[in-house]
N, C-alpha and C. Protein backbone atom coordinates (compact mmCIF):
# COMPACT_ATOMS: atom_id res chain seq x y z
N UNK A 1 -34.18 -29.12 23.03
CA UNK A 1 -33.75 -27.75 23.28
C UNK A 1 -34.94 -26.80 23.27
N UNK A 2 -35.84 -26.93 22.28
CA UNK A 2 -37.01 -26.06 22.21
C UNK A 2 -37.91 -26.27 23.42
N UNK A 3 -38.03 -27.52 23.87
CA UNK A 3 -38.84 -27.81 25.05
C UNK A 3 -38.26 -27.14 26.28
N UNK A 4 -36.93 -27.22 26.44
CA UNK A 4 -36.27 -26.58 27.58
C UNK A 4 -36.48 -25.07 27.57
N UNK A 5 -36.38 -24.48 26.38
CA UNK A 5 -36.55 -23.03 26.27
C UNK A 5 -38.00 -22.66 26.63
N UNK A 6 -38.97 -23.42 26.14
CA UNK A 6 -40.38 -23.14 26.44
C UNK A 6 -40.64 -23.29 27.94
N UNK A 7 -40.04 -24.31 28.53
CA UNK A 7 -40.19 -24.54 29.96
C UNK A 7 -39.60 -23.36 30.75
N UNK A 8 -38.45 -22.88 30.31
CA UNK A 8 -37.80 -21.76 30.97
C UNK A 8 -38.64 -20.49 30.84
N UNK A 9 -39.20 -20.26 29.68
CA UNK A 9 -40.04 -19.08 29.48
C UNK A 9 -41.28 -19.15 30.37
N UNK A 10 -41.87 -20.32 30.49
CA UNK A 10 -43.02 -20.47 31.38
C UNK A 10 -42.64 -20.20 32.83
N UNK A 11 -41.47 -20.65 33.22
CA UNK A 11 -40.98 -20.42 34.57
C UNK A 11 -40.75 -18.92 34.81
N UNK A 12 -40.21 -18.22 33.83
CA UNK A 12 -40.00 -16.78 33.96
C UNK A 12 -41.33 -16.04 34.09
N UNK A 13 -42.32 -16.46 33.37
CA UNK A 13 -43.64 -15.83 33.48
C UNK A 13 -44.23 -16.07 34.87
N UNK A 14 -44.01 -17.26 35.41
CA UNK A 14 -44.48 -17.56 36.76
C UNK A 14 -43.79 -16.66 37.79
N UNK A 15 -42.49 -16.46 37.59
CA UNK A 15 -41.74 -15.60 38.50
C UNK A 15 -42.23 -14.16 38.40
N UNK A 16 -42.53 -13.69 37.19
CA UNK A 16 -43.05 -12.34 37.03
C UNK A 16 -44.34 -12.15 37.83
N UNK A 17 -45.20 -13.16 37.80
CA UNK A 17 -46.45 -13.08 38.57
C UNK A 17 -46.16 -13.03 40.07
N UNK A 18 -45.17 -13.80 40.51
CA UNK A 18 -44.77 -13.79 41.91
C UNK A 18 -44.24 -12.41 42.31
N UNK A 19 -43.45 -11.81 41.43
CA UNK A 19 -42.86 -10.51 41.74
C UNK A 19 -43.93 -9.44 41.93
N UNK A 20 -45.04 -9.55 41.23
CA UNK A 20 -46.13 -8.59 41.39
C UNK A 20 -46.66 -8.62 42.82
N UNK A 21 -46.60 -9.80 43.43
CA UNK A 21 -47.18 -9.98 44.76
C UNK A 21 -46.23 -9.59 45.89
N UNK A 22 -44.94 -9.50 45.60
CA UNK A 22 -43.96 -9.17 46.64
C UNK A 22 -44.09 -7.70 47.01
N UNK A 23 -44.12 -7.41 48.31
CA UNK A 23 -44.13 -6.04 48.78
C UNK A 23 -42.87 -5.78 49.59
N UNK A 24 -42.18 -4.72 49.23
CA UNK A 24 -40.94 -4.35 49.90
C UNK A 24 -41.18 -3.01 50.59
N UNK A 25 -41.02 -2.99 51.90
CA UNK A 25 -41.24 -1.78 52.67
C UNK A 25 -39.90 -1.23 53.15
N UNK A 26 -39.71 0.08 52.98
CA UNK A 26 -38.49 0.74 53.44
C UNK A 26 -38.87 2.00 54.20
N UNK A 27 -37.93 2.47 55.01
CA UNK A 27 -38.13 3.70 55.76
C UNK A 27 -36.90 4.58 55.60
N UNK A 28 -37.11 5.88 55.69
CA UNK A 28 -36.01 6.84 55.68
C UNK A 28 -36.33 7.92 56.70
N UNK A 29 -35.29 8.60 57.16
CA UNK A 29 -35.50 9.66 58.15
C UNK A 29 -36.08 9.14 59.44
N UNK A 30 -35.55 8.03 59.92
CA UNK A 30 -36.02 7.41 61.16
C UNK A 30 -37.52 7.15 61.14
N UNK A 31 -38.02 6.71 60.00
CA UNK A 31 -39.43 6.38 59.87
C UNK A 31 -40.32 7.54 59.44
N UNK A 32 -39.72 8.71 59.19
CA UNK A 32 -40.50 9.87 58.76
C UNK A 32 -41.13 9.67 57.39
N UNK A 33 -40.43 8.90 56.55
CA UNK A 33 -40.94 8.58 55.22
C UNK A 33 -40.93 7.07 55.08
N UNK A 34 -42.07 6.51 54.69
CA UNK A 34 -42.18 5.08 54.46
C UNK A 34 -42.67 4.86 53.04
N UNK A 35 -42.10 3.85 52.39
CA UNK A 35 -42.48 3.58 51.01
C UNK A 35 -42.60 2.07 50.83
N UNK A 36 -43.57 1.68 50.03
CA UNK A 36 -43.76 0.28 49.67
C UNK A 36 -43.74 0.17 48.16
N UNK A 37 -42.92 -0.75 47.65
CA UNK A 37 -42.90 -1.05 46.22
C UNK A 37 -43.14 -2.53 46.05
N UNK A 38 -43.57 -2.93 44.86
CA UNK A 38 -43.72 -4.36 44.61
C UNK A 38 -42.48 -4.86 43.86
N UNK A 39 -42.48 -6.14 43.58
CA UNK A 39 -41.33 -6.75 42.91
C UNK A 39 -41.15 -6.30 41.48
N UNK A 40 -42.12 -5.56 40.94
CA UNK A 40 -42.00 -4.99 39.61
C UNK A 40 -41.46 -3.57 39.66
N UNK A 41 -41.06 -3.15 40.86
CA UNK A 41 -40.50 -1.82 41.10
C UNK A 41 -41.52 -0.71 40.91
N UNK A 42 -42.77 -1.01 41.18
CA UNK A 42 -43.82 -0.01 41.12
C UNK A 42 -44.17 0.42 42.54
N UNK A 43 -44.21 1.74 42.75
CA UNK A 43 -44.53 2.26 44.07
C UNK A 43 -45.99 1.96 44.39
N UNK A 44 -46.20 1.33 45.53
CA UNK A 44 -47.54 0.97 45.97
C UNK A 44 -48.09 1.99 46.97
N UNK A 45 -47.21 2.54 47.82
CA UNK A 45 -47.66 3.53 48.79
C UNK A 45 -46.48 4.36 49.29
N UNK A 46 -46.81 5.57 49.73
CA UNK A 46 -45.83 6.48 50.33
C UNK A 46 -46.53 7.11 51.54
N UNK A 47 -45.83 7.11 52.66
CA UNK A 47 -46.35 7.73 53.87
C UNK A 47 -45.33 8.75 54.36
N UNK A 48 -45.80 9.97 54.62
CA UNK A 48 -44.91 11.06 55.05
C UNK A 48 -45.42 11.60 56.37
N UNK A 49 -44.51 11.70 57.34
CA UNK A 49 -44.85 12.28 58.63
C UNK A 49 -45.30 13.73 58.40
N UNK A 50 -46.45 14.11 58.92
CA UNK A 50 -46.98 15.46 58.70
C UNK A 50 -46.01 16.58 59.11
N UNK A 51 -45.12 16.32 60.06
CA UNK A 51 -44.18 17.36 60.48
C UNK A 51 -43.21 17.76 59.37
N UNK A 52 -43.09 16.91 58.33
CA UNK A 52 -42.20 17.23 57.22
C UNK A 52 -42.90 18.02 56.12
N UNK A 53 -44.17 18.30 56.30
CA UNK A 53 -44.94 18.96 55.25
C UNK A 53 -45.03 20.48 55.43
N UNK A 54 -44.02 21.08 55.99
CA UNK A 54 -43.98 22.54 56.07
C UNK A 54 -42.83 23.07 55.22
N UNK A 55 -42.85 24.32 54.93
CA UNK A 55 -41.89 24.93 54.00
C UNK A 55 -40.44 24.76 54.47
N UNK A 56 -40.21 24.74 55.76
CA UNK A 56 -38.84 24.64 56.28
C UNK A 56 -38.25 23.23 56.12
N UNK A 57 -39.08 22.24 55.91
CA UNK A 57 -38.61 20.85 55.84
C UNK A 57 -38.52 20.32 54.42
N UNK A 58 -38.70 21.16 53.43
CA UNK A 58 -38.73 20.73 52.04
C UNK A 58 -37.50 19.95 51.61
N UNK A 59 -36.33 20.47 51.89
CA UNK A 59 -35.09 19.78 51.47
C UNK A 59 -34.93 18.46 52.19
N UNK A 60 -35.24 18.44 53.48
CA UNK A 60 -35.14 17.19 54.24
C UNK A 60 -36.09 16.14 53.68
N UNK A 61 -37.32 16.56 53.39
CA UNK A 61 -38.30 15.65 52.82
C UNK A 61 -37.81 15.09 51.49
N UNK A 62 -37.25 15.94 50.65
CA UNK A 62 -36.73 15.48 49.36
C UNK A 62 -35.63 14.44 49.55
N UNK A 63 -34.73 14.67 50.50
CA UNK A 63 -33.65 13.69 50.77
C UNK A 63 -34.22 12.37 51.27
N UNK A 64 -35.20 12.44 52.16
CA UNK A 64 -35.80 11.22 52.70
C UNK A 64 -36.53 10.44 51.61
N UNK A 65 -37.25 11.15 50.75
CA UNK A 65 -37.95 10.48 49.65
C UNK A 65 -36.97 9.83 48.69
N UNK A 66 -35.90 10.53 48.37
CA UNK A 66 -34.88 9.97 47.48
C UNK A 66 -34.26 8.72 48.10
N UNK A 67 -33.94 8.79 49.37
CA UNK A 67 -33.34 7.65 50.06
C UNK A 67 -34.30 6.46 50.08
N UNK A 68 -35.56 6.70 50.42
CA UNK A 68 -36.54 5.61 50.48
C UNK A 68 -36.72 4.99 49.11
N UNK A 69 -36.84 5.81 48.09
CA UNK A 69 -37.05 5.30 46.74
C UNK A 69 -35.86 4.45 46.30
N UNK A 70 -34.65 4.94 46.52
CA UNK A 70 -33.45 4.19 46.11
C UNK A 70 -33.33 2.87 46.85
N UNK A 71 -33.63 2.87 48.14
CA UNK A 71 -33.60 1.63 48.92
C UNK A 71 -34.61 0.62 48.38
N UNK A 72 -35.81 1.11 48.11
CA UNK A 72 -36.88 0.23 47.64
C UNK A 72 -36.54 -0.39 46.29
N UNK A 73 -36.03 0.41 45.37
CA UNK A 73 -35.69 -0.10 44.04
C UNK A 73 -34.54 -1.10 44.14
N UNK A 74 -33.53 -0.79 44.93
CA UNK A 74 -32.39 -1.70 45.09
C UNK A 74 -32.86 -3.05 45.65
N UNK A 75 -33.71 -3.02 46.67
CA UNK A 75 -34.20 -4.28 47.25
C UNK A 75 -35.08 -5.03 46.28
N UNK A 76 -35.88 -4.32 45.51
CA UNK A 76 -36.74 -4.95 44.51
C UNK A 76 -35.89 -5.63 43.43
N UNK A 77 -34.85 -4.97 43.00
CA UNK A 77 -33.96 -5.55 41.99
C UNK A 77 -33.27 -6.80 42.54
N UNK A 78 -32.88 -6.77 43.81
CA UNK A 78 -32.25 -7.94 44.43
C UNK A 78 -33.22 -9.11 44.50
N UNK A 79 -34.46 -8.83 44.87
CA UNK A 79 -35.48 -9.89 44.93
C UNK A 79 -35.66 -10.53 43.56
N UNK A 80 -35.79 -9.69 42.54
CA UNK A 80 -36.00 -10.20 41.17
C UNK A 80 -34.79 -11.02 40.72
N UNK A 81 -33.60 -10.52 40.99
CA UNK A 81 -32.39 -11.24 40.58
C UNK A 81 -32.30 -12.59 41.27
N UNK A 82 -32.62 -12.62 42.56
CA UNK A 82 -32.57 -13.88 43.31
C UNK A 82 -33.55 -14.90 42.74
N UNK A 83 -34.76 -14.45 42.41
CA UNK A 83 -35.77 -15.37 41.89
C UNK A 83 -35.43 -15.88 40.49
N UNK A 84 -34.78 -15.05 39.69
CA UNK A 84 -34.50 -15.42 38.29
C UNK A 84 -33.14 -16.08 38.10
N UNK A 85 -32.34 -16.09 39.12
CA UNK A 85 -30.97 -16.60 39.01
C UNK A 85 -30.89 -17.98 38.37
N UNK A 86 -31.66 -18.91 38.86
CA UNK A 86 -31.58 -20.26 38.35
C UNK A 86 -32.28 -20.47 37.01
N UNK A 87 -33.21 -19.60 36.68
CA UNK A 87 -34.02 -19.79 35.49
C UNK A 87 -33.42 -19.13 34.25
N UNK A 88 -32.90 -17.94 34.41
CA UNK A 88 -32.43 -17.15 33.27
C UNK A 88 -31.29 -17.84 32.54
N UNK A 89 -30.48 -18.59 33.24
CA UNK A 89 -29.38 -19.30 32.59
C UNK A 89 -29.87 -20.32 31.57
N UNK A 90 -31.08 -20.82 31.75
CA UNK A 90 -31.64 -21.81 30.84
C UNK A 90 -32.02 -21.23 29.48
N UNK A 91 -32.02 -19.93 29.37
CA UNK A 91 -32.35 -19.30 28.08
C UNK A 91 -31.15 -19.24 27.14
N UNK A 92 -29.97 -19.46 27.69
CA UNK A 92 -28.76 -19.42 26.85
C UNK A 92 -28.37 -18.02 26.46
N UNK A 93 -28.78 -17.02 27.27
CA UNK A 93 -28.40 -15.65 26.98
C UNK A 93 -27.05 -15.35 27.60
N UNK A 94 -26.17 -14.64 26.87
CA UNK A 94 -24.86 -14.34 27.41
C UNK A 94 -24.97 -13.51 28.69
N UNK A 95 -24.14 -13.82 29.65
CA UNK A 95 -24.09 -13.06 30.89
C UNK A 95 -25.12 -13.47 31.92
N UNK A 96 -26.00 -14.41 31.62
CA UNK A 96 -27.00 -14.84 32.60
C UNK A 96 -26.71 -16.21 33.12
């Protein structure tokens, strides 16, 4: 049992390293805002169309940024869940 748990923990650490390398790219506002996050849900880059950087576009830009961020985090969480699905059950934690 202890060997299985140690093996599972090592596998989870390997997956964590893999998640750091995953890049998830999303777009909002028909490509006006682009965002890249990694599998650890850390923002790697944000690109904003210059036409959105004027005072009249502030609310639109905020909506596009919110949409891009939410999409990126959701996809990152899905990637992590998919990678850990088979491994987490080996820890014997309830609900996994």
